[in-house]
Amino acid sequence: MRKCGKAERRIFSPSNPAFLHFWIPAFHVSSFDPDAPVHALIIEDDRTIAFLDINPGTHGHALVIPKEHARDLLELEPDELAAVMQAAQRLAKRMPEALGAEGVNLINSCGAVAWQTVFHFHVHVIPRYSYDTARLPWIPGDGGERLDEAAEALRA
């Protein structure tokens, strides 16, 4: 991963809807904007930031991002991935009591064909409720003979 130069930096302000929806293609954040609305930031530590998604799938849908830029899961350093997942877990553990969530989904999309639209690594932390309308984005099917083929290819 790399720190971005001044030309690539943007103002980290969750009060800016463009930031929250499209974020920042490449950035380094040293700390959260103290003038930002309180509701936008959920948690922050030295390596990650979590904030509410402005287009939530369910009540309390949040995003956890590393402060250091990485385009996607394949570019992210293992220690940064661990920091993001630890922050996502801390947030997920709060959701049942704080929001009444009955479950939580963690979702990451890696690559445009996998629905990645923001090319800065992020994990969606989505609280789930028995009454929500969120659904799987695929219809589970029988893997058949291709399961063995995939397993063989991935072991190689």
N, C-alpha and C. Protein backbone atom coordinates (compact mmCIF):
# COMPACT_ATOMS: atom_id res chain seq x y z
N MET A 1 0.84 -1.18 0.00
CA MET A 1 0.00 0.00 0.00
C MET A 1 0.88 1.23 0.00
N ARG A 2 0.26 2.32 -0.40
CA ARG A 2 1.03 3.54 -0.50
C ARG A 2 0.25 4.68 0.13
N LYS A 3 0.99 5.68 0.58
CA LYS A 3 0.37 6.93 0.99
C LYS A 3 0.21 7.78 -0.25
N CYS A 4 -0.88 8.47 -0.34
CA CYS A 4 -1.16 9.26 -1.53
C CYS A 4 -0.57 10.65 -1.40
N GLY A 5 -0.20 11.21 -2.54
CA GLY A 5 0.33 12.56 -2.57
C GLY A 5 -0.78 13.58 -2.40
N LYS A 6 -0.39 14.84 -2.21
CA LYS A 6 -1.37 15.91 -1.99
C LYS A 6 -2.37 16.02 -3.12
N ALA A 7 -1.93 15.79 -4.35
CA ALA A 7 -2.85 15.91 -5.49
C ALA A 7 -3.95 14.86 -5.44
N GLU A 8 -3.69 13.74 -4.79
CA GLU A 8 -4.69 12.67 -4.72
C GLU A 8 -5.58 12.76 -3.49
N ARG A 9 -5.21 13.57 -2.52
CA ARG A 9 -5.98 13.66 -1.29
C ARG A 9 -7.26 14.44 -1.50
N ARG A 10 -8.22 14.12 -0.71
CA ARG A 10 -9.48 14.85 -0.69
C ARG A 10 -9.78 15.18 0.77
N ILE A 11 -10.63 16.12 0.98
CA ILE A 11 -11.02 16.45 2.35
C ILE A 11 -11.88 15.32 2.88
N PHE A 12 -11.47 14.73 4.00
CA PHE A 12 -12.26 13.67 4.61
C PHE A 12 -13.34 14.31 5.44
N SER A 13 -14.49 14.44 4.87
CA SER A 13 -15.61 15.05 5.56
C SER A 13 -16.88 14.27 5.28
N PRO A 14 -17.35 13.46 6.23
CA PRO A 14 -18.58 12.75 6.03
C PRO A 14 -19.79 13.65 5.85
N SER A 15 -19.65 14.96 6.05
CA SER A 15 -20.76 15.85 5.75
C SER A 15 -20.86 16.07 4.24
N ASN A 16 -19.86 15.62 3.51
CA ASN A 16 -19.86 15.72 2.06
C ASN A 16 -20.49 14.45 1.48
N PRO A 17 -21.72 14.53 0.95
CA PRO A 17 -22.38 13.33 0.43
C PRO A 17 -21.58 12.62 -0.65
N ALA A 18 -20.85 13.35 -1.45
CA ALA A 18 -20.05 12.71 -2.49
C ALA A 18 -18.99 11.81 -1.87
N PHE A 19 -18.39 12.24 -0.76
CA PHE A 19 -17.40 11.39 -0.10
C PHE A 19 -18.05 10.11 0.39
N LEU A 20 -19.17 10.26 1.08
CA LEU A 20 -19.80 9.08 1.65
C LEU A 20 -20.30 8.11 0.60
N HIS A 21 -20.76 8.63 -0.53
CA HIS A 21 -21.28 7.73 -1.55
C HIS A 21 -20.18 7.16 -2.42
N PHE A 22 -19.27 8.01 -2.86
CA PHE A 22 -18.23 7.57 -3.78
C PHE A 22 -16.87 7.46 -3.09
N TRP A 23 -16.78 8.00 -1.90
CA TRP A 23 -15.57 8.08 -1.11
C TRP A 23 -14.47 8.76 -1.87
N ILE A 24 -13.32 8.13 -1.77
CA ILE A 24 -12.12 8.75 -2.29
C ILE A 24 -11.35 7.67 -3.05
N PRO A 25 -10.99 7.93 -4.30
CA PRO A 25 -10.28 6.90 -5.05
C PRO A 25 -8.94 6.53 -4.43
N ALA A 26 -8.27 7.48 -3.83
CA ALA A 26 -6.99 7.20 -3.18
C ALA A 26 -6.77 8.24 -2.10
N PHE A 27 -6.47 7.78 -0.89
CA PHE A 27 -6.29 8.76 0.16
C PHE A 27 -5.54 8.19 1.35
N HIS A 28 -5.09 9.10 2.18
CA HIS A 28 -4.53 8.75 3.48
C HIS A 28 -5.16 9.72 4.47
N VAL A 29 -5.70 9.19 5.52
CA VAL A 29 -6.37 10.02 6.52
C VAL A 29 -5.62 9.88 7.83
N SER A 30 -5.23 10.99 8.39
CA SER A 30 -4.53 10.91 9.67
C SER A 30 -5.50 10.93 10.84
N SER A 31 -6.64 11.59 10.66
CA SER A 31 -7.67 11.55 11.71
C SER A 31 -8.98 12.04 11.13
N PHE A 32 -10.04 11.69 11.80
CA PHE A 32 -11.38 12.05 11.37
C PHE A 32 -11.60 13.55 11.53
N ASP A 33 -12.33 14.16 10.61
CA ASP A 33 -12.62 15.60 10.64
C ASP A 33 -13.45 15.92 11.89
N PRO A 34 -12.93 16.72 12.82
CA PRO A 34 -13.67 17.01 14.04
C PRO A 34 -14.93 17.82 13.80
N ASP A 35 -15.05 18.45 12.63
CA ASP A 35 -16.24 19.24 12.32
C ASP A 35 -17.32 18.42 11.61
N ALA A 36 -17.04 17.16 11.36
CA ALA A 36 -18.01 16.31 10.67
C ALA A 36 -19.18 15.99 11.61
N PRO A 37 -20.34 15.71 11.05
CA PRO A 37 -21.48 15.37 11.90
C PRO A 37 -21.19 14.13 12.75
N VAL A 38 -21.68 14.14 13.97
CA VAL A 38 -21.41 13.04 14.90
C VAL A 38 -21.96 11.72 14.37
N HIS A 39 -23.11 11.74 13.67
CA HIS A 39 -23.72 10.48 13.23
C HIS A 39 -22.90 9.76 12.16
N ALA A 40 -22.04 10.46 11.44
CA ALA A 40 -21.32 9.83 10.34
C ALA A 40 -20.25 8.85 10.84
N LEU A 41 -19.49 9.24 11.83
CA LEU A 41 -18.43 8.40 12.36
C LEU A 41 -18.98 7.46 13.42
N ILE A 42 -18.64 6.20 13.30
CA ILE A 42 -19.06 5.25 14.32
C ILE A 42 -17.87 4.88 15.19
N ILE A 43 -16.82 4.39 14.57
CA ILE A 43 -15.59 4.08 15.30
C ILE A 43 -14.40 4.49 14.46
N GLU A 44 -13.33 4.78 15.13
CA GLU A 44 -12.06 5.08 14.47
C GLU A 44 -10.96 4.57 15.36
N ASP A 45 -9.94 4.00 14.73
CA ASP A 45 -8.73 3.66 15.46
C ASP A 45 -7.55 4.13 14.61
N ASP A 46 -6.36 3.72 14.95
CA ASP A 46 -5.20 4.24 14.21
C ASP A 46 -5.13 3.76 12.77
N ARG A 47 -5.86 2.69 12.41
CA ARG A 47 -5.77 2.14 11.05
C ARG A 47 -7.08 2.10 10.28
N THR A 48 -8.21 2.28 10.97
CA THR A 48 -9.50 2.13 10.30
C THR A 48 -10.49 3.21 10.70
N ILE A 49 -11.51 3.36 9.86
CA ILE A 49 -12.63 4.25 10.15
C ILE A 49 -13.90 3.48 9.78
N ALA A 50 -14.93 3.62 10.60
CA ALA A 50 -16.24 3.06 10.28
C ALA A 50 -17.26 4.18 10.32
N PHE A 51 -18.12 4.20 9.31
CA PHE A 51 -19.16 5.24 9.23
C PHE A 51 -20.41 4.64 8.59
N LEU A 52 -21.53 5.33 8.77
CA LEU A 52 -22.79 4.85 8.22
C LEU A 52 -22.83 5.00 6.71
N ASP A 53 -23.44 4.02 6.05
CA ASP A 53 -23.64 4.07 4.60
C ASP A 53 -24.83 4.98 4.32
N ILE A 54 -24.68 5.92 3.38
CA ILE A 54 -25.79 6.84 3.10
C ILE A 54 -26.86 6.18 2.23
N ASN A 55 -26.58 5.01 1.70
CA ASN A 55 -27.57 4.23 0.95
C ASN A 55 -27.68 2.86 1.61
N PRO A 56 -28.21 2.82 2.84
CA PRO A 56 -28.16 1.58 3.61
C PRO A 56 -29.09 0.49 3.08
N GLY A 57 -28.62 -0.75 3.22
CA GLY A 57 -29.46 -1.91 2.93
C GLY A 57 -30.42 -2.17 4.07
N THR A 58 -30.00 -1.86 5.29
CA THR A 58 -30.84 -2.00 6.48
C THR A 58 -30.48 -0.88 7.45
N HIS A 59 -31.28 -0.74 8.49
CA HIS A 59 -31.02 0.25 9.53
C HIS A 59 -29.68 -0.03 10.21
N GLY A 60 -28.76 0.94 10.17
CA GLY A 60 -27.47 0.79 10.82
C GLY A 60 -26.36 0.26 9.92
N HIS A 61 -26.64 0.05 8.63
CA HIS A 61 -25.64 -0.44 7.66
C HIS A 61 -24.44 0.51 7.69
N ALA A 62 -23.28 -0.07 7.91
CA ALA A 62 -22.05 0.72 8.05
C ALA A 62 -20.96 0.20 7.12
N LEU A 63 -19.94 1.01 6.96
CA LEU A 63 -18.78 0.65 6.15
C LEU A 63 -17.54 0.79 7.02
N VAL A 64 -16.62 -0.14 6.88
CA VAL A 64 -15.33 -0.06 7.57
C VAL A 64 -14.26 -0.01 6.48
N ILE A 65 -13.39 0.99 6.58
CA ILE A 65 -12.34 1.17 5.58
C ILE A 65 -10.99 1.33 6.26
N PRO A 66 -9.92 0.91 5.57
CA PRO A 66 -8.58 1.21 6.09
C PRO A 66 -8.24 2.66 5.77
N LYS A 67 -7.45 3.28 6.63
CA LYS A 67 -7.01 4.65 6.36
C LYS A 67 -5.99 4.69 5.22
N GLU A 68 -5.22 3.66 5.07
CA GLU A 68 -4.26 3.58 3.97
C GLU A 68 -4.99 3.04 2.74
N HIS A 69 -4.69 3.61 1.59
CA HIS A 69 -5.37 3.19 0.38
C HIS A 69 -4.92 1.82 -0.11
N ALA A 70 -5.89 1.01 -0.45
CA ALA A 70 -5.70 -0.24 -1.19
C ALA A 70 -6.93 -0.36 -2.08
N ARG A 71 -6.72 -0.65 -3.33
CA ARG A 71 -7.81 -0.70 -4.31
C ARG A 71 -8.85 -1.75 -3.94
N ASP A 72 -8.39 -2.92 -3.51
CA ASP A 72 -9.33 -4.02 -3.25
C ASP A 72 -8.66 -5.07 -2.37
N LEU A 73 -9.35 -6.16 -2.15
CA LEU A 73 -8.87 -7.25 -1.31
C LEU A 73 -7.53 -7.80 -1.80
N LEU A 74 -7.34 -7.84 -3.10
CA LEU A 74 -6.11 -8.41 -3.65
C LEU A 74 -4.90 -7.52 -3.44
N GLU A 75 -5.12 -6.23 -3.28
CA GLU A 75 -4.03 -5.28 -3.07
C GLU A 75 -3.76 -5.01 -1.59
N LEU A 76 -4.73 -5.28 -0.74
CA LEU A 76 -4.63 -4.97 0.68
C LEU A 76 -3.60 -5.86 1.37
N GLU A 77 -2.76 -5.25 2.19
CA GLU A 77 -1.77 -6.01 2.95
C GLU A 77 -2.49 -6.82 4.04
N PRO A 78 -1.98 -8.01 4.36
CA PRO A 78 -2.63 -8.86 5.35
C PRO A 78 -2.87 -8.18 6.71
N ASP A 79 -1.91 -7.38 7.18
CA ASP A 79 -2.10 -6.74 8.48
C ASP A 79 -3.20 -5.67 8.41
N GLU A 80 -3.36 -5.02 7.26
CA GLU A 80 -4.44 -4.04 7.09
C GLU A 80 -5.79 -4.75 7.03
N LEU A 81 -5.83 -5.89 6.35
CA LEU A 81 -7.06 -6.69 6.30
C LEU A 81 -7.46 -7.11 7.71
N ALA A 82 -6.50 -7.54 8.50
CA ALA A 82 -6.79 -7.94 9.88
C ALA A 82 -7.35 -6.76 10.68
N ALA A 83 -6.78 -5.58 10.49
CA ALA A 83 -7.26 -4.40 11.23
C ALA A 83 -8.70 -4.07 10.83
N VAL A 84 -9.01 -4.13 9.54
CA VAL A 84 -10.37 -3.84 9.07
C VAL A 84 -11.35 -4.88 9.62
N MET A 85 -10.97 -6.14 9.57
CA MET A 85 -11.88 -7.18 10.05
C MET A 85 -12.08 -7.11 11.56
N GLN A 86 -11.05 -6.74 12.30
CA GLN A 86 -11.21 -6.57 13.75
C GLN A 86 -12.16 -5.42 14.04
N ALA A 87 -12.04 -4.33 13.31
CA ALA A 87 -12.96 -3.20 13.49
C ALA A 87 -14.38 -3.61 13.09
N ALA A 88 -14.51 -4.35 12.00
CA ALA A 88 -15.84 -4.83 11.58
C ALA A 88 -16.46 -5.72 12.65
N GLN A 89 -15.66 -6.57 13.25
CA GLN A 89 -16.18 -7.45 14.31
C GLN A 89 -16.60 -6.64 15.53
N ARG A 90 -15.79 -5.65 15.93
CA ARG A 90 -16.17 -4.81 17.08
C ARG A 90 -17.52 -4.14 16.81
N LEU A 91 -17.69 -3.63 15.60
CA LEU A 91 -18.94 -2.98 15.23
C LEU A 91 -20.09 -3.98 15.20
N ALA A 92 -19.87 -5.13 14.60
CA ALA A 92 -20.92 -6.17 14.52
C ALA A 92 -21.37 -6.60 15.92
N LYS A 93 -20.45 -6.68 16.85
CA LYS A 93 -20.80 -7.09 18.22
C LYS A 93 -21.70 -6.07 18.90
N ARG A 94 -21.64 -4.81 18.49
CA ARG A 94 -22.48 -3.77 19.07
C ARG A 94 -23.91 -3.81 18.53
N MET A 95 -24.10 -4.34 17.35
CA MET A 95 -25.37 -4.22 16.64
C MET A 95 -26.56 -4.91 17.30
N PRO A 96 -26.42 -6.10 17.87
CA PRO A 96 -27.60 -6.71 18.51
C PRO A 96 -28.17 -5.87 19.65
N GLU A 97 -27.30 -5.42 20.55
CA GLU A 97 -27.79 -4.64 21.69
C GLU A 97 -28.17 -3.21 21.29
N ALA A 98 -27.31 -2.58 20.49
CA ALA A 98 -27.52 -1.18 20.15
C ALA A 98 -28.69 -0.97 19.17
N LEU A 99 -28.86 -1.91 18.24
CA LEU A 99 -29.86 -1.73 17.19
C LEU A 99 -30.97 -2.78 17.19
N GLY A 100 -30.82 -3.81 18.02
CA GLY A 100 -31.79 -4.89 18.00
C GLY A 100 -31.60 -5.84 16.83
N ALA A 101 -30.41 -5.82 16.23
CA ALA A 101 -30.12 -6.71 15.10
C ALA A 101 -30.17 -8.16 15.55
N GLU A 102 -30.68 -9.01 14.65
CA GLU A 102 -30.78 -10.45 14.93
C GLU A 102 -29.66 -11.23 14.26
N GLY A 103 -28.89 -10.56 13.45
CA GLY A 103 -27.77 -11.15 12.74
C GLY A 103 -26.98 -10.04 12.06
N VAL A 104 -25.87 -10.39 11.44
CA VAL A 104 -25.02 -9.40 10.75
C VAL A 104 -24.41 -10.06 9.53
N ASN A 105 -24.40 -9.33 8.41
CA ASN A 105 -23.65 -9.75 7.23
C ASN A 105 -22.41 -8.88 7.10
N LEU A 106 -21.29 -9.51 6.76
CA LEU A 106 -20.08 -8.80 6.36
C LEU A 106 -19.92 -9.07 4.87
N ILE A 107 -19.83 -8.01 4.08
CA ILE A 107 -19.74 -8.17 2.63
C ILE A 107 -18.61 -7.32 2.08
N ASN A 108 -17.82 -7.93 1.20
CA ASN A 108 -16.81 -7.21 0.42
C ASN A 108 -16.95 -7.65 -1.02
N SER A 109 -16.84 -6.70 -1.93
CA SER A 109 -16.86 -7.00 -3.36
C SER A 109 -15.49 -6.65 -3.91
N CYS A 110 -14.88 -7.56 -4.65
CA CYS A 110 -13.53 -7.38 -5.18
C CYS A 110 -13.57 -7.45 -6.70
N GLY A 111 -13.50 -6.31 -7.33
CA GLY A 111 -13.55 -6.24 -8.79
C GLY A 111 -14.92 -5.84 -9.30
N ALA A 112 -14.93 -5.16 -10.42
CA ALA A 112 -16.19 -4.66 -10.99
C ALA A 112 -17.19 -5.77 -11.26
N VAL A 113 -16.73 -6.90 -11.74
CA VAL A 113 -17.65 -8.00 -12.03
C VAL A 113 -18.27 -8.56 -10.75
N ALA A 114 -17.65 -8.29 -9.61
CA ALA A 114 -18.16 -8.73 -8.31
C ALA A 114 -18.91 -7.61 -7.59
N TRP A 115 -19.35 -6.60 -8.33
CA TRP A 115 -20.14 -5.46 -7.83
C TRP A 115 -19.34 -4.41 -7.09
N GLN A 116 -18.02 -4.41 -7.22
CA GLN A 116 -17.24 -3.34 -6.59
C GLN A 116 -17.43 -2.08 -7.41
N THR A 117 -17.92 -1.02 -6.78
CA THR A 117 -18.12 0.26 -7.46
C THR A 117 -17.26 1.37 -6.88
N VAL A 118 -16.74 1.15 -5.69
CA VAL A 118 -15.83 2.10 -5.05
C VAL A 118 -14.50 1.39 -4.91
N PHE A 119 -13.47 1.92 -5.55
CA PHE A 119 -12.20 1.22 -5.61
C PHE A 119 -11.24 1.68 -4.53
N HIS A 120 -11.72 1.55 -3.31
CA HIS A 120 -10.95 1.65 -2.08
C HIS A 120 -11.52 0.53 -1.23
N PHE A 121 -10.66 -0.38 -0.76
CA PHE A 121 -11.15 -1.55 -0.03
C PHE A 121 -12.10 -1.13 1.08
N HIS A 122 -13.19 -1.87 1.21
CA HIS A 122 -14.15 -1.61 2.28
C HIS A 122 -14.95 -2.87 2.57
N VAL A 123 -15.45 -2.93 3.78
CA VAL A 123 -16.33 -4.03 4.22
C VAL A 123 -17.64 -3.41 4.67
N HIS A 124 -18.73 -3.96 4.14
CA HIS A 124 -20.06 -3.56 4.59
C HIS A 124 -20.38 -4.38 5.83
N VAL A 125 -20.83 -3.71 6.88
CA VAL A 125 -21.30 -4.38 8.10
C VAL A 125 -22.79 -4.08 8.15
N ILE A 126 -23.58 -5.11 7.84
CA ILE A 126 -25.02 -4.91 7.65
C ILE A 126 -25.80 -5.64 8.73
N PRO A 127 -26.40 -4.88 9.64
CA PRO A 127 -27.23 -5.54 10.65
C PRO A 127 -28.46 -6.14 9.98
N ARG A 128 -28.89 -7.30 10.45
CA ARG A 128 -30.02 -7.97 9.83
C ARG A 128 -31.15 -8.14 10.84
N TYR A 129 -32.36 -8.02 10.32
CA TYR A 129 -33.59 -8.09 11.10
C TYR A 129 -34.55 -9.05 10.41
N SER A 130 -35.38 -9.72 11.17
CA SER A 130 -36.31 -10.67 10.56
C SER A 130 -37.25 -9.99 9.58
N TYR A 131 -37.48 -8.72 9.74
CA TYR A 131 -38.41 -7.98 8.88
C TYR A 131 -37.74 -7.24 7.72
N ASP A 132 -36.40 -7.28 7.61
CA ASP A 132 -35.77 -6.48 6.55
C ASP A 132 -35.98 -7.11 5.17
N THR A 133 -35.66 -6.34 4.15
CA THR A 133 -35.89 -6.79 2.78
C THR A 133 -34.59 -7.15 2.04
N ALA A 134 -33.47 -7.16 2.74
CA ALA A 134 -32.20 -7.53 2.11
C ALA A 134 -32.24 -9.01 1.73
N ARG A 135 -31.74 -9.33 0.54
CA ARG A 135 -31.73 -10.70 0.03
C ARG A 135 -30.38 -11.04 -0.56
N LEU A 136 -30.08 -12.33 -0.68
CA LEU A 136 -28.87 -12.77 -1.35
C LEU A 136 -28.84 -12.26 -2.79
N PRO A 137 -27.67 -11.90 -3.28
CA PRO A 137 -27.60 -11.42 -4.66
C PRO A 137 -27.48 -12.56 -5.69
N TRP A 138 -27.61 -13.80 -5.26
CA TRP A 138 -27.59 -14.93 -6.18
C TRP A 138 -28.56 -15.99 -5.69
N ILE A 139 -28.89 -16.88 -6.58
CA ILE A 139 -29.75 -18.01 -6.22
C ILE A 139 -28.84 -19.21 -6.01
N PRO A 140 -28.75 -19.71 -4.78
CA PRO A 140 -27.87 -20.85 -4.52
C PRO A 140 -28.25 -22.03 -5.41
N GLY A 141 -27.23 -22.66 -5.95
CA GLY A 141 -27.47 -23.80 -6.83
C GLY A 141 -26.55 -24.95 -6.50
N ASP A 142 -26.72 -26.04 -7.21
CA ASP A 142 -25.92 -27.25 -7.04
C ASP A 142 -24.61 -27.07 -7.78
N GLY A 143 -23.49 -27.23 -7.09
CA GLY A 143 -22.18 -27.08 -7.72
C GLY A 143 -21.82 -28.24 -8.64
N GLY A 144 -22.45 -29.38 -8.41
CA GLY A 144 -22.24 -30.55 -9.26
C GLY A 144 -20.78 -30.92 -9.42
N GLU A 145 -20.44 -31.40 -10.61
CA GLU A 145 -19.09 -31.87 -10.91
C GLU A 145 -18.06 -30.74 -10.86
N ARG A 146 -18.50 -29.52 -11.02
CA ARG A 146 -17.57 -28.40 -11.06
C ARG A 146 -16.96 -28.12 -9.68
N LEU A 147 -17.55 -28.64 -8.61
CA LEU A 147 -16.96 -28.47 -7.28
C LEU A 147 -15.57 -29.09 -7.23
N ASP A 148 -15.44 -30.31 -7.75
CA ASP A 148 -14.15 -30.99 -7.75
C ASP A 148 -13.15 -30.22 -8.61
N GLU A 149 -13.62 -29.72 -9.75
CA GLU A 149 -12.76 -28.95 -10.66
C GLU A 149 -12.22 -27.69 -9.98
N ALA A 150 -13.10 -26.98 -9.29
CA ALA A 150 -12.70 -25.76 -8.60
C ALA A 150 -11.73 -26.08 -7.46
N ALA A 151 -12.04 -27.11 -6.70
CA ALA A 151 -11.16 -27.49 -5.58
C ALA A 151 -9.77 -27.84 -6.08
N GLU A 152 -9.70 -28.58 -7.17
CA GLU A 152 -8.42 -28.97 -7.75
C GLU A 152 -7.63 -27.73 -8.20
N ALA A 153 -8.29 -26.81 -8.88
CA ALA A 153 -7.62 -25.61 -9.37
C ALA A 153 -7.11 -24.74 -8.23
N LEU A 154 -7.88 -24.63 -7.16
CA LEU A 154 -7.50 -23.79 -6.04
C LEU A 154 -6.40 -24.42 -5.18
N ARG A 155 -6.29 -25.73 -5.19
CA ARG A 155 -5.21 -26.40 -4.45
C ARG A 155 -3.86 -26.27 -5.15
N ALA A 156 -3.89 -26.11 -6.45
CA ALA A 156 -2.65 -26.11 -7.26
C ALA A 156 -1.76 -24.93 -6.92
